[in-house]
Every structure is written in structure tokens, then in C-alpha cells.
Amino acid sequence: MMLCTVAKIKKESGVSIRIPSDDSSDAVVRIEGTPEGVACAKQQLIDLVEKMVCIICCLLYVTECGC
């Protein structure tokens, strides 16, 4: 899901997005493009991460309460 969403963000904003691999010691996501495209992609990535955190928290809650 996330890769498809990142590909969509890249296409819509016209930027290049480099996300480090899981085994990398680098934790920096790089966004390159026009200032407008970078700002748009950055906000969309932040929104995506916030949604993912919310989903993970909900799953943890369900697991902890036994629902």
C-alpha cells in the first residue's frame, strides 16, 4: 500500500522521493523537485505517516484489550 501511495505522490507532485531501505543506517527521506512540488509531497508524506501511526495505535489497542 505505501509504495503505491508514494508512487502516486511522486507522480502527482513531479518530485523524486528516496526512502532509505530497512537495513540502512540513514533515516532521512529525500524529496527533490520544485519548491512547490517538494512542499506538496512533504505534506502528503506527513499525512500518510500520521494515518499509518493511527492505524498501528488502533491495532495495538485492539490487541491489548483483547477485542
PDB file of N, CA and C in Angstrom:
ATOM      1  N   MET A   1       0.823  -1.197   0.000  1.00  0.00           N
ATOM      2  CA  MET A   1       0.000   0.000   0.000  1.00  0.00           C
ATOM      3  C   MET A   1       0.862   1.254   0.000  1.00  0.00           C
ATOM      4  N   MET A   2       1.861   1.308   0.878  1.00  0.00           N
ATOM      5  CA  MET A   2       2.656   2.524   0.979  1.00  0.00           C
ATOM      6  C   MET A   2       3.422   2.814  -0.300  1.00  0.00           C
ATOM      7  N   LEU A   3       3.986   1.778  -0.951  1.00  0.00           N
ATOM      8  CA  LEU A   3       4.748   2.011  -2.170  1.00  0.00           C
ATOM      9  C   LEU A   3       3.866   2.576  -3.264  1.00  0.00           C
ATOM     10  N   CYS A   4       2.638   2.073  -3.377  1.00  0.00           N
ATOM     11  CA  CYS A   4       1.710   2.606  -4.371  1.00  0.00           C
ATOM     12  C   CYS A   4       1.383   4.056  -4.076  1.00  0.00           C
ATOM     13  N   THR A   5       1.200   4.365  -2.800  1.00  0.00           N
ATOM     14  CA  THR A   5       0.887   5.734  -2.403  1.00  0.00           C
ATOM     15  C   THR A   5       2.061   6.662  -2.654  1.00  0.00           C
ATOM     16  N   VAL A   6       3.280   6.218  -2.354  1.00  0.00           N
ATOM     17  CA  VAL A   6       4.462   7.043  -2.605  1.00  0.00           C
ATOM     18  C   VAL A   6       4.624   7.274  -4.101  1.00  0.00           C
ATOM     19  N   ALA A   7       4.392   6.246  -4.915  1.00  0.00           N
ATOM     20  CA  ALA A   7       4.476   6.397  -6.369  1.00  0.00           C
ATOM     21  C   ALA A   7       3.453   7.418  -6.859  1.00  0.00           C
ATOM     22  N   LYS A   8       2.268   7.386  -6.281  1.00  0.00           N
ATOM     23  CA  LYS A   8       1.214   8.348  -6.641  1.00  0.00           C
ATOM     24  C   LYS A   8       1.628   9.767  -6.253  1.00  0.00           C
ATOM     25  N   ILE A   9       2.197   9.921  -5.058  1.00  0.00           N
ATOM     26  CA  ILE A   9       2.650  11.239  -4.609  1.00  0.00           C
ATOM     27  C   ILE A   9       3.730  11.765  -5.555  1.00  0.00           C
ATOM     28  N   LYS A  10       4.678  10.907  -5.915  1.00  0.00           N
ATOM     29  CA  LYS A  10       5.752  11.312  -6.827  1.00  0.00           C
ATOM     30  C   LYS A  10       5.184  11.776  -8.158  1.00  0.00           C
ATOM     31  N   LYS A  11       4.247  11.012  -8.691  1.00  0.00           N
ATOM     32  CA  LYS A  11       3.655  11.345  -9.996  1.00  0.00           C
ATOM     33  C   LYS A  11       2.869  12.655  -9.936  1.00  0.00           C
ATOM     34  N   GLU A  12       2.056  12.803  -8.905  1.00  0.00           N
ATOM     35  CA  GLU A  12       1.199  13.993  -8.788  1.00  0.00           C
ATOM     36  C   GLU A  12       1.996  15.268  -8.539  1.00  0.00           C
ATOM     37  N   SER A  13       3.080  15.164  -7.759  1.00  0.00           N
ATOM     38  CA  SER A  13       3.828  16.374  -7.406  1.00  0.00           C
ATOM     39  C   SER A  13       5.050  16.598  -8.292  1.00  0.00           C
ATOM     40  N   GLY A  14       5.398  15.601  -9.109  1.00  0.00           N
ATOM     41  CA  GLY A  14       6.532  15.751 -10.018  1.00  0.00           C
ATOM     42  C   GLY A  14       7.881  15.790  -9.319  1.00  0.00           C
ATOM     43  N   VAL A  15       8.008  15.060  -8.216  1.00  0.00           N
ATOM     44  CA  VAL A  15       9.251  15.066  -7.456  1.00  0.00           C
ATOM     45  C   VAL A  15       9.882  13.677  -7.462  1.00  0.00           C
ATOM     46  N   SER A  16      11.117  13.637  -6.977  1.00  0.00           N
ATOM     47  CA  SER A  16      11.815  12.382  -6.732  1.00  0.00           C
ATOM     48  C   SER A  16      11.830  12.169  -5.225  1.00  0.00           C
ATOM     49  N   ILE A  17      11.445  10.977  -4.791  1.00  0.00           N
ATOM     50  CA  ILE A  17      11.430  10.659  -3.366  1.00  0.00           C
ATOM     51  C   ILE A  17      12.312   9.446  -3.146  1.00  0.00           C
ATOM     52  N   ARG A  18      13.293   9.603  -2.262  1.00  0.00           N
ATOM     53  CA  ARG A  18      14.176   8.480  -1.920  1.00  0.00           C
ATOM     54  C   ARG A  18      13.987   8.133  -0.451  1.00  0.00           C
ATOM     55  N   ILE A  19      13.532   6.905  -0.217  1.00  0.00           N
ATOM     56  CA  ILE A  19      13.316   6.406   1.141  1.00  0.00           C
ATOM     57  C   ILE A  19      14.375   5.351   1.404  1.00  0.00           C
ATOM     58  N   PRO A  20      15.132   5.485   2.489  1.00  0.00           N
ATOM     59  CA  PRO A  20      16.190   4.504   2.767  1.00  0.00           C
ATOM     60  C   PRO A  20      15.607   3.116   3.027  1.00  0.00           C
ATOM     61  N   SER A  21      16.376   2.094   2.697  1.00  0.00           N
ATOM     62  CA  SER A  21      15.936   0.721   2.935  1.00  0.00           C
ATOM     63  C   SER A  21      15.934   0.430   4.433  1.00  0.00           C
ATOM     64  N   ASP A  22      15.264  -0.641   4.796  1.00  0.00           N
ATOM     65  CA  ASP A  22      15.152  -1.016   6.211  1.00  0.00           C
ATOM     66  C   ASP A  22      16.502  -1.282   6.858  1.00  0.00           C
ATOM     67  N   ASP A  23      17.459  -1.791   6.090  1.00  0.00           N
ATOM     68  CA  ASP A  23      18.763  -2.127   6.662  1.00  0.00           C
ATOM     69  C   ASP A  23      19.759  -0.974   6.607  1.00  0.00           C
ATOM     70  N   SER A  24      19.315   0.190   6.169  1.00  0.00           N
ATOM     71  CA  SER A  24      20.181   1.362   6.083  1.00  0.00           C
ATOM     72  C   SER A  24      20.261   2.080   7.429  1.00  0.00           C
ATOM     73  N   SER A  25      21.418   2.640   7.700  1.00  0.00           N
ATOM     74  CA  SER A  25      21.552   3.441   8.926  1.00  0.00           C
ATOM     75  C   SER A  25      21.052   4.869   8.699  1.00  0.00           C
ATOM     76  N   ASP A  26      20.788   5.228   7.454  1.00  0.00           N
ATOM     77  CA  ASP A  26      20.285   6.548   7.100  1.00  0.00           C
ATOM     78  C   ASP A  26      18.770   6.570   7.308  1.00  0.00           C
ATOM     79  N   ALA A  27      18.268   7.538   8.035  1.00  0.00           N
ATOM     80  CA  ALA A  27      16.833   7.631   8.306  1.00  0.00           C
ATOM     81  C   ALA A  27      16.206   8.852   7.641  1.00  0.00           C
ATOM     82  N   VAL A  28      16.904   9.430   6.658  1.00  0.00           N
ATOM     83  CA  VAL A  28      16.434  10.656   6.022  1.00  0.00           C
ATOM     84  C   VAL A  28      15.702  10.333   4.721  1.00  0.00           C
ATOM     85  N   VAL A  29      14.476  10.822   4.594  1.00  0.00           N
ATOM     86  CA  VAL A  29      13.729  10.721   3.348  1.00  0.00           C
ATOM     87  C   VAL A  29      14.075  11.955   2.528  1.00  0.00           C
ATOM     88  N   ARG A  30      14.506  11.747   1.299  1.00  0.00           N
ATOM     89  CA  ARG A  30      14.914  12.865   0.452  1.00  0.00           C
ATOM     90  C   ARG A  30      13.851  13.123  -0.618  1.00  0.00           C
ATOM     91  N   ILE A  31      13.450  14.384  -0.707  1.00  0.00           N
ATOM     92  CA  ILE A  31      12.472  14.811  -1.709  1.00  0.00           C
ATOM     93  C   ILE A  31      13.143  15.884  -2.548  1.00  0.00           C
ATOM     94  N   GLU A  32      13.208  15.663  -3.860  1.00  0.00           N
ATOM     95  CA  GLU A  32      13.845  16.632  -4.752  1.00  0.00           C
ATOM     96  C   GLU A  32      12.878  17.022  -5.856  1.00  0.00           C
ATOM     97  N   GLY A  33      12.843  18.311  -6.147  1.00  0.00           N
ATOM     98  CA  GLY A  33      11.985  18.825  -7.205  1.00  0.00           C
ATOM     99  C   GLY A  33      11.802  20.320  -7.031  1.00  0.00           C
ATOM    100  N   THR A  34      10.763  20.839  -7.627  1.00  0.00           N
ATOM    101  CA  THR A  34      10.468  22.258  -7.489  1.00  0.00           C
ATOM    102  C   THR A  34      10.056  22.541  -6.045  1.00  0.00           C
ATOM    103  N   PRO A  35      10.234  23.778  -5.593  1.00  0.00           N
ATOM    104  CA  PRO A  35       9.815  24.097  -4.220  1.00  0.00           C
ATOM    105  C   PRO A  35       8.340  23.754  -3.951  1.00  0.00           C
ATOM    106  N   GLU A  36       7.478  24.025  -4.928  1.00  0.00           N
ATOM    107  CA  GLU A  36       6.058  23.731  -4.764  1.00  0.00           C
ATOM    108  C   GLU A  36       5.817  22.224  -4.697  1.00  0.00           C
ATOM    109  N   GLY A  37       6.495  21.475  -5.580  1.00  0.00           N
ATOM    110  CA  GLY A  37       6.340  20.026  -5.590  1.00  0.00           C
ATOM    111  C   GLY A  37       6.850  19.392  -4.315  1.00  0.00           C
ATOM    112  N   VAL A  38       7.989  19.871  -3.831  1.00  0.00           N
ATOM    113  CA  VAL A  38       8.570  19.344  -2.592  1.00  0.00           C
ATOM    114  C   VAL A  38       7.630  19.615  -1.414  1.00  0.00           C
ATOM    115  N   ALA A  39       7.108  20.819  -1.333  1.00  0.00           N
ATOM    116  CA  ALA A  39       6.194  21.166  -0.236  1.00  0.00           C
ATOM    117  C   ALA A  39       4.940  20.291  -0.276  1.00  0.00           C
ATOM    118  N   CYS A  40       4.402  20.087  -1.459  1.00  0.00           N
ATOM    119  CA  CYS A  40       3.205  19.260  -1.619  1.00  0.00           C
ATOM    120  C   CYS A  40       3.500  17.816  -1.234  1.00  0.00           C
ATOM    121  N   ALA A  41       4.589  17.258  -1.737  1.00  0.00           N
ATOM    122  CA  ALA A  41       4.954  15.874  -1.436  1.00  0.00           C
ATOM    123  C   ALA A  41       5.248  15.699   0.048  1.00  0.00           C
ATOM    124  N   LYS A  42       5.938  16.659   0.632  1.00  0.00           N
ATOM    125  CA  LYS A  42       6.267  16.583   2.054  1.00  0.00           C
ATOM    126  C   LYS A  42       4.994  16.504   2.891  1.00  0.00           C
ATOM    127  N   GLN A  43       4.032  17.355   2.610  1.00  0.00           N
ATOM    128  CA  GLN A  43       2.790  17.353   3.381  1.00  0.00           C
ATOM    129  C   GLN A  43       2.031  16.048   3.192  1.00  0.00           C
ATOM    130  N   GLN A  44       2.009  15.541   1.963  1.00  0.00           N
ATOM    131  CA  GLN A  44       1.313  14.281   1.705  1.00  0.00           C
ATOM    132  C   GLN A  44       1.987  13.116   2.429  1.00  0.00           C
ATOM    133  N   LEU A  45       3.327  13.118   2.479  1.00  0.00           N
ATOM    134  CA  LEU A  45       4.047  12.069   3.199  1.00  0.00           C
ATOM    135  C   LEU A  45       3.786  12.159   4.702  1.00  0.00           C
ATOM    136  N   ILE A  46       3.753  13.379   5.229  1.00  0.00           N
ATOM    137  CA  ILE A  46       3.439  13.562   6.650  1.00  0.00           C
ATOM    138  C   ILE A  46       2.039  13.036   6.946  1.00  0.00           C
ATOM    139  N   ASP A  47       1.083  13.360   6.090  1.00  0.00           N
ATOM    140  CA  ASP A  47      -0.291  12.876   6.268  1.00  0.00           C
ATOM    141  C   ASP A  47      -0.338  11.350   6.231  1.00  0.00           C
ATOM    142  N   LEU A  48       0.417  10.749   5.310  1.00  0.00           N
ATOM    143  CA  LEU A  48       0.460   9.295   5.191  1.00  0.00           C
ATOM    144  C   LEU A  48       1.021   8.650   6.454  1.00  0.00           C
ATOM    145  N   VAL A  49       2.109   9.204   6.968  1.00  0.00           N
ATOM    146  CA  VAL A  49       2.714   8.665   8.183  1.00  0.00           C
ATOM    147  C   VAL A  49       1.756   8.808   9.366  1.00  0.00           C
ATOM    148  N   GLU A  50       1.083   9.936   9.479  1.00  0.00           N
ATOM    149  CA  GLU A  50       0.122  10.132  10.571  1.00  0.00           C
ATOM    150  C   GLU A  50      -1.001   9.093  10.503  1.00  0.00           C
ATOM    151  N   LYS A  51      -1.481   8.787   9.293  1.00  0.00           N
ATOM    152  CA  LYS A  51      -2.522   7.771   9.139  1.00  0.00           C
ATOM    153  C   LYS A  51      -1.996   6.402   9.544  1.00  0.00           C
ATOM    154  N   MET A  52      -0.766   6.103   9.154  1.00  0.00           N
ATOM    155  CA  MET A  52      -0.176   4.808   9.498  1.00  0.00           C
ATOM    156  C   MET A  52       0.000   4.678  11.009  1.00  0.00           C
ATOM    157  N   VAL A  53       0.423   5.736  11.667  1.00  0.00           N
ATOM    158  CA  VAL A  53       0.580   5.709  13.127  1.00  0.00           C
ATOM    159  C   VAL A  53      -0.776   5.468  13.790  1.00  0.00           C
ATOM    160  N   CYS A  54      -1.798   6.111  13.285  1.00  0.00           N
ATOM    161  CA  CYS A  54      -3.141   5.939  13.838  1.00  0.00           C
ATOM    162  C   CYS A  54      -3.600   4.490  13.685  1.00  0.00           C
ATOM    163  N   ILE A  55      -3.362   3.901  12.533  1.00  0.00           N
ATOM    164  CA  ILE A  55      -3.748   2.507  12.292  1.00  0.00           C
ATOM    165  C   ILE A  55      -2.994   1.578  13.240  1.00  0.00           C
ATOM    166  N   ILE A  56      -1.694   1.811  13.397  1.00  0.00           N
ATOM    167  CA  ILE A  56      -0.887   0.970  14.286  1.00  0.00           C
ATOM    168  C   ILE A  56      -1.371   1.102  15.725  1.00  0.00           C
ATOM    169  N   CYS A  57      -1.662   2.314  16.155  1.00  0.00           N
ATOM    170  CA  CYS A  57      -2.157   2.517  17.524  1.00  0.00           C
ATOM    171  C   CYS A  57      -3.490   1.807  17.724  1.00  0.00           C
ATOM    172  N   CYS A  58      -4.374   1.860  16.747  1.00  0.00           N
ATOM    173  CA  CYS A  58      -5.662   1.173  16.853  1.00  0.00           C
ATOM    174  C   CYS A  58      -5.455  -0.332  16.945  1.00  0.00           C
ATOM    175  N   LEU A  59      -4.547  -0.863  16.128  1.00  0.00           N
ATOM    176  CA  LEU A  59      -4.268  -2.303  16.170  1.00  0.00           C
ATOM    177  C   LEU A  59      -3.691  -2.717  17.523  1.00  0.00           C
ATOM    178  N   LEU A  60      -2.811  -1.890  18.059  1.00  0.00           N
ATOM    179  CA  LEU A  60      -2.241  -2.189  19.380  1.00  0.00           C
ATOM    180  C   LEU A  60      -3.316  -2.163  20.453  1.00  0.00           C
ATOM    181  N   TYR A  61      -4.221  -1.215  20.372  1.00  0.00           N
ATOM    182  CA  TYR A  61      -5.303  -1.123  21.351  1.00  0.00           C
ATOM    183  C   TYR A  61      -6.181  -2.370  21.303  1.00  0.00           C
ATOM    184  N   VAL A  62      -6.543  -2.785  20.081  1.00  0.00           N
ATOM    185  CA  VAL A  62      -7.387  -3.968  19.923  1.00  0.00           C
ATOM    186  C   VAL A  62      -6.663  -5.193  20.471  1.00  0.00           C
ATOM    187  N   THR A  63      -5.372  -5.293  20.202  1.00  0.00           N
ATOM    188  CA  THR A  63      -4.591  -6.437  20.682  1.00  0.00           C
ATOM    189  C   THR A  63      -4.510  -6.442  22.204  1.00  0.00           C
ATOM    190  N   GLU A  64      -4.296  -5.276  22.803  1.00  0.00           N
ATOM    191  CA  GLU A  64      -4.134  -5.182  24.250  1.00  0.00           C
ATOM    192  C   GLU A  64      -5.452  -5.433  24.994  1.00  0.00           C
ATOM    193  N   CYS A  65      -6.557  -4.967  24.450  1.00  0.00           N
ATOM    194  CA  CYS A  65      -7.831  -5.129  25.161  1.00  0.00           C
ATOM    195  C   CYS A  65      -8.491  -6.460  24.834  1.00  0.00           C
ATOM    196  N   GLY A  66      -7.944  -7.185  23.869  1.00  0.00           N
ATOM    197  CA  GLY A  66      -8.492  -8.491  23.511  1.00  0.00           C
ATOM    198  C   GLY A  66      -9.754  -8.432  22.693  1.00  0.00           C
ATOM    199  N   CYS A  67     -10.026  -7.296  22.069  1.00  0.00           N
ATOM    200  CA  CYS A  67     -11.232  -7.146  21.263  1.00  0.00           C
ATOM    201  C   CYS A  67     -11.150  -7.928  19.963  1.00  0.00           C
TER     202      CYS A  67
END
